[in-house]
């Protein structure tokens, strides 16, 4: 039996997220534009891993984000890593500034919020 090389995958600490960097969606897809001031500074990503519960001043908090959600974060937030062909960031939950959700306008003018994991197919 041959042993293959070990594969290391980062597991976020409590209160941290691992986010796969993605290009911000176009204006046509979401009705908003995310401006990137520098090419090397990502601002949008998909959550790929979530740390566990965390404590601040003795109070316990559950993770705020879930795997598959798309988030906007500060330009210089987190620690950037390359894993395979993906660029990922390890972020604090507090570095996330907003969630990106897909809102679909119906024929009656009502907005429906879609499952965030369907956003990638809409780019």
C-alpha atoms as a PDB file:
ATOM      1  CA  UNK A   1       0.000   0.000   0.000  1.00  0.00           C
ATOM      2  CA  UNK A   2       1.400   3.384  -1.016  1.00  0.00           C
ATOM      3  CA  UNK A   3       0.807   6.501   0.996  1.00  0.00           C
ATOM      4  CA  UNK A   4      -0.123   9.648  -0.824  1.00  0.00           C
ATOM      5  CA  UNK A   5       1.165  13.047   0.162  1.00  0.00           C
ATOM      6  CA  UNK A   6      -0.719  14.672   3.024  1.00  0.00           C
ATOM      7  CA  UNK A   7      -3.094  17.465   2.096  1.00  0.00           C
ATOM      8  CA  UNK A   8      -3.354  20.334   4.536  1.00  0.00           C
ATOM      9  CA  UNK A   9      -6.556  22.365   4.682  1.00  0.00           C
ATOM     10  CA  UNK A  10      -6.977  25.387   6.931  1.00  0.00           C
ATOM     11  CA  UNK A  11      -9.670  25.142   9.585  1.00  0.00           C
ATOM     12  CA  UNK A  12     -10.773  28.543  10.882  1.00  0.00           C
ATOM     13  CA  UNK A  13     -10.455  29.371  14.554  1.00  0.00           C
ATOM     14  CA  UNK A  14     -13.562  30.466  16.475  1.00  0.00           C
ATOM     15  CA  UNK A  15     -14.871  33.793  15.172  1.00  0.00           C
ATOM     16  CA  UNK A  16     -13.017  33.403  11.866  1.00  0.00           C
ATOM     17  CA  UNK A  17     -14.087  32.574   8.297  1.00  0.00           C
ATOM     18  CA  UNK A  18     -12.315  31.211   5.270  1.00  0.00           C
ATOM     19  CA  UNK A  19     -13.519  33.023   2.168  1.00  0.00           C
ATOM     20  CA  UNK A  20     -12.741  32.069  -1.445  1.00  0.00           C
ATOM     21  CA  UNK A  21     -12.044  35.287  -3.338  1.00  0.00           C
ATOM     22  CA  UNK A  22     -14.384  35.865  -6.277  1.00  0.00           C
ATOM     23  CA  UNK A  23     -14.819  38.710  -8.700  1.00  0.00           C
ATOM     24  CA  UNK A  24     -17.629  41.030  -7.669  1.00  0.00           C
ATOM     25  CA  UNK A  25     -20.806  40.426  -9.655  1.00  0.00           C
ATOM     26  CA  UNK A  26     -21.585  42.826 -12.478  1.00  0.00           C
ATOM     27  CA  UNK A  27     -24.146  45.582 -12.144  1.00  0.00           C
ATOM     28  CA  UNK A  28     -26.557  43.722 -14.418  1.00  0.00           C
ATOM     29  CA  UNK A  29     -26.587  40.702 -12.127  1.00  0.00           C
ATOM     30  CA  UNK A  30     -27.376  42.504  -8.867  1.00  0.00           C
ATOM     31  CA  UNK A  31     -28.113  46.156  -9.581  1.00  0.00           C
ATOM     32  CA  UNK A  32     -25.065  47.254  -7.555  1.00  0.00           C
ATOM     33  CA  UNK A  33     -21.488  47.925  -8.502  1.00  0.00           C
ATOM     34  CA  UNK A  34     -18.558  47.042  -6.254  1.00  0.00           C
ATOM     35  CA  UNK A  35     -15.627  49.257  -7.102  1.00  0.00           C
ATOM     36  CA  UNK A  36     -12.148  47.834  -6.646  1.00  0.00           C
ATOM     37  CA  UNK A  37      -9.609  50.572  -6.048  1.00  0.00           C
ATOM     38  CA  UNK A  38      -6.675  48.245  -6.685  1.00  0.00           C
ATOM     39  CA  UNK A  39      -6.442  45.018  -8.626  1.00  0.00           C
ATOM     40  CA  UNK A  40      -4.648  43.293  -5.746  1.00  0.00           C
ATOM     41  CA  UNK A  41      -7.277  44.122  -3.141  1.00  0.00           C
ATOM     42  CA  UNK A  42     -10.265  41.754  -3.198  1.00  0.00           C
ATOM     43  CA  UNK A  43     -13.583  42.885  -1.770  1.00  0.00           C
ATOM     44  CA  UNK A  44     -15.946  39.973  -2.434  1.00  0.00           C
ATOM     45  CA  UNK A  45     -15.860  36.255  -1.644  1.00  0.00           C
ATOM     46  CA  UNK A  46     -17.744  33.065  -0.904  1.00  0.00           C
ATOM     47  CA  UNK A  47     -17.566  31.571   2.587  1.00  0.00           C
ATOM     48  CA  UNK A  48     -15.994  28.095   2.404  1.00  0.00           C
ATOM     49  CA  UNK A  49     -15.450  27.377   6.119  1.00  0.00           C
ATOM     50  CA  UNK A  50     -16.710  28.807   9.407  1.00  0.00           C
ATOM     51  CA  UNK A  51     -15.073  28.689  12.837  1.00  0.00           C
ATOM     52  CA  UNK A  52     -17.047  27.623  15.872  1.00  0.00           C
ATOM     53  CA  UNK A  53     -18.616  29.593  18.702  1.00  0.00           C
ATOM     54  CA  UNK A  54     -16.577  32.404  20.183  1.00  0.00           C
ATOM     55  CA  UNK A  55     -16.599  34.557  23.313  1.00  0.00           C
ATOM     56  CA  UNK A  56     -16.275  38.317  23.759  1.00  0.00           C
ATOM     57  CA  UNK A  57     -16.165  39.722  27.294  1.00  0.00           C
ATOM     58  CA  UNK A  58     -17.625  36.478  28.638  1.00  0.00           C
ATOM     59  CA  UNK A  59     -20.578  36.422  26.209  1.00  0.00           C
ATOM     60  CA  UNK A  60     -20.933  33.454  23.851  1.00  0.00           C
ATOM     61  CA  UNK A  61     -21.689  34.051  20.152  1.00  0.00           C
ATOM     62  CA  UNK A  62     -22.635  31.633  17.372  1.00  0.00           C
ATOM     63  CA  UNK A  63     -21.128  32.118  13.905  1.00  0.00           C
ATOM     64  CA  UNK A  64     -22.991  34.775  11.901  1.00  0.00           C
ATOM     65  CA  UNK A  65     -22.228  33.401   8.434  1.00  0.00           C
ATOM     66  CA  UNK A  66     -22.740  30.052   6.738  1.00  0.00           C
ATOM     67  CA  UNK A  67     -20.782  28.122   4.122  1.00  0.00           C
ATOM     68  CA  UNK A  68     -21.907  29.142   0.636  1.00  0.00           C
ATOM     69  CA  UNK A  69     -22.836  32.738   1.476  1.00  0.00           C
ATOM     70  CA  UNK A  70     -21.269  35.600  -0.457  1.00  0.00           C
ATOM     71  CA  UNK A  71     -19.808  38.467   1.567  1.00  0.00           C
ATOM     72  CA  UNK A  72     -18.224  41.878   1.073  1.00  0.00           C
ATOM     73  CA  UNK A  73     -15.206  42.706   3.218  1.00  0.00           C
ATOM     74  CA  UNK A  74     -12.676  45.494   3.626  1.00  0.00           C
ATOM     75  CA  UNK A  75      -9.971  45.830   0.988  1.00  0.00           C
ATOM     76  CA  UNK A  76      -7.070  45.051   3.277  1.00  0.00           C
ATOM     77  CA  UNK A  77      -8.817  42.605   5.617  1.00  0.00           C
ATOM     78  CA  UNK A  78      -7.592  39.169   6.544  1.00  0.00           C
ATOM     79  CA  UNK A  79      -4.695  36.939   5.628  1.00  0.00           C
ATOM     80  CA  UNK A  80      -4.486  35.802   2.007  1.00  0.00           C
ATOM     81  CA  UNK A  81      -3.465  32.237   1.098  1.00  0.00           C
ATOM     82  CA  UNK A  82      -3.316  30.206  -2.104  1.00  0.00           C
ATOM     83  CA  UNK A  83      -4.857  26.750  -1.848  1.00  0.00           C
ATOM     84  CA  UNK A  84      -4.571  24.864  -5.103  1.00  0.00           C
ATOM     85  CA  UNK A  85      -5.876  27.235  -7.761  1.00  0.00           C
ATOM     86  CA  UNK A  86      -8.028  29.215  -5.305  1.00  0.00           C
ATOM     87  CA  UNK A  87      -7.124  32.413  -3.497  1.00  0.00           C
ATOM     88  CA  UNK A  88      -8.645  32.466  -0.025  1.00  0.00           C
ATOM     89  CA  UNK A  89      -8.712  34.833   2.920  1.00  0.00           C
ATOM     90  CA  UNK A  90      -8.903  34.058   6.595  1.00  0.00           C
ATOM     91  CA  UNK A  91     -11.121  36.815   8.024  1.00  0.00           C
ATOM     92  CA  UNK A  92     -12.564  37.800  11.366  1.00  0.00           C
ATOM     93  CA  UNK A  93     -16.344  37.824  11.297  1.00  0.00           C
ATOM     94  CA  UNK A  94     -16.127  41.508  12.207  1.00  0.00           C
ATOM     95  CA  UNK A  95     -14.180  42.186   8.960  1.00  0.00           C
ATOM     96  CA  UNK A  96     -17.284  41.300   6.931  1.00  0.00           C
ATOM     97  CA  UNK A  97     -19.212  44.415   5.979  1.00  0.00           C
ATOM     98  CA  UNK A  98     -22.251  42.869   4.245  1.00  0.00           C
ATOM     99  CA  UNK A  99     -23.827  39.741   2.800  1.00  0.00           C
ATOM    100  CA  UNK A 100     -24.648  39.611  -0.899  1.00  0.00           C
ATOM    101  CA  UNK A 101     -28.092  38.170  -1.514  1.00  0.00           C
ATOM    102  CA  UNK A 102     -29.863  37.652  -4.806  1.00  0.00           C
ATOM    103  CA  UNK A 103     -33.109  39.591  -4.934  1.00  0.00           C
ATOM    104  CA  UNK A 104     -35.413  38.692  -7.816  1.00  0.00           C
ATOM    105  CA  UNK A 105     -38.188  41.084  -8.770  1.00  0.00           C
ATOM    106  CA  UNK A 106     -41.432  39.327  -9.609  1.00  0.00           C
ATOM    107  CA  UNK A 107     -44.064  40.441 -12.109  1.00  0.00           C
ATOM    108  CA  UNK A 108     -46.011  42.031  -9.249  1.00  0.00           C
ATOM    109  CA  UNK A 109     -42.994  44.170  -8.252  1.00  0.00           C
ATOM    110  CA  UNK A 110     -42.317  42.157  -5.068  1.00  0.00           C
ATOM    111  CA  UNK A 111     -38.715  41.247  -4.292  1.00  0.00           C
ATOM    112  CA  UNK A 112     -37.908  37.657  -3.426  1.00  0.00           C
ATOM    113  CA  UNK A 113     -34.608  36.799  -1.756  1.00  0.00           C
ATOM    114  CA  UNK A 114     -33.097  33.698  -3.365  1.00  0.00           C
ATOM    115  CA  UNK A 115     -30.842  31.065  -1.815  1.00  0.00           C
ATOM    116  CA  UNK A 116     -27.359  32.678  -1.657  1.00  0.00           C
ATOM    117  CA  UNK A 117     -25.726  29.553  -3.076  1.00  0.00           C
ATOM    118  CA  UNK A 118     -27.513  30.220  -6.401  1.00  0.00           C
ATOM    119  CA  UNK A 119     -25.703  33.519  -6.922  1.00  0.00           C
ATOM    120  CA  UNK A 120     -22.661  31.973  -8.611  1.00  0.00           C
ATOM    121  CA  UNK A 121     -24.793  30.639 -11.457  1.00  0.00           C
ATOM    122  CA  UNK A 122     -26.230  34.129 -12.048  1.00  0.00           C
ATOM    123  CA  UNK A 123     -22.905  35.866 -12.727  1.00  0.00           C
END
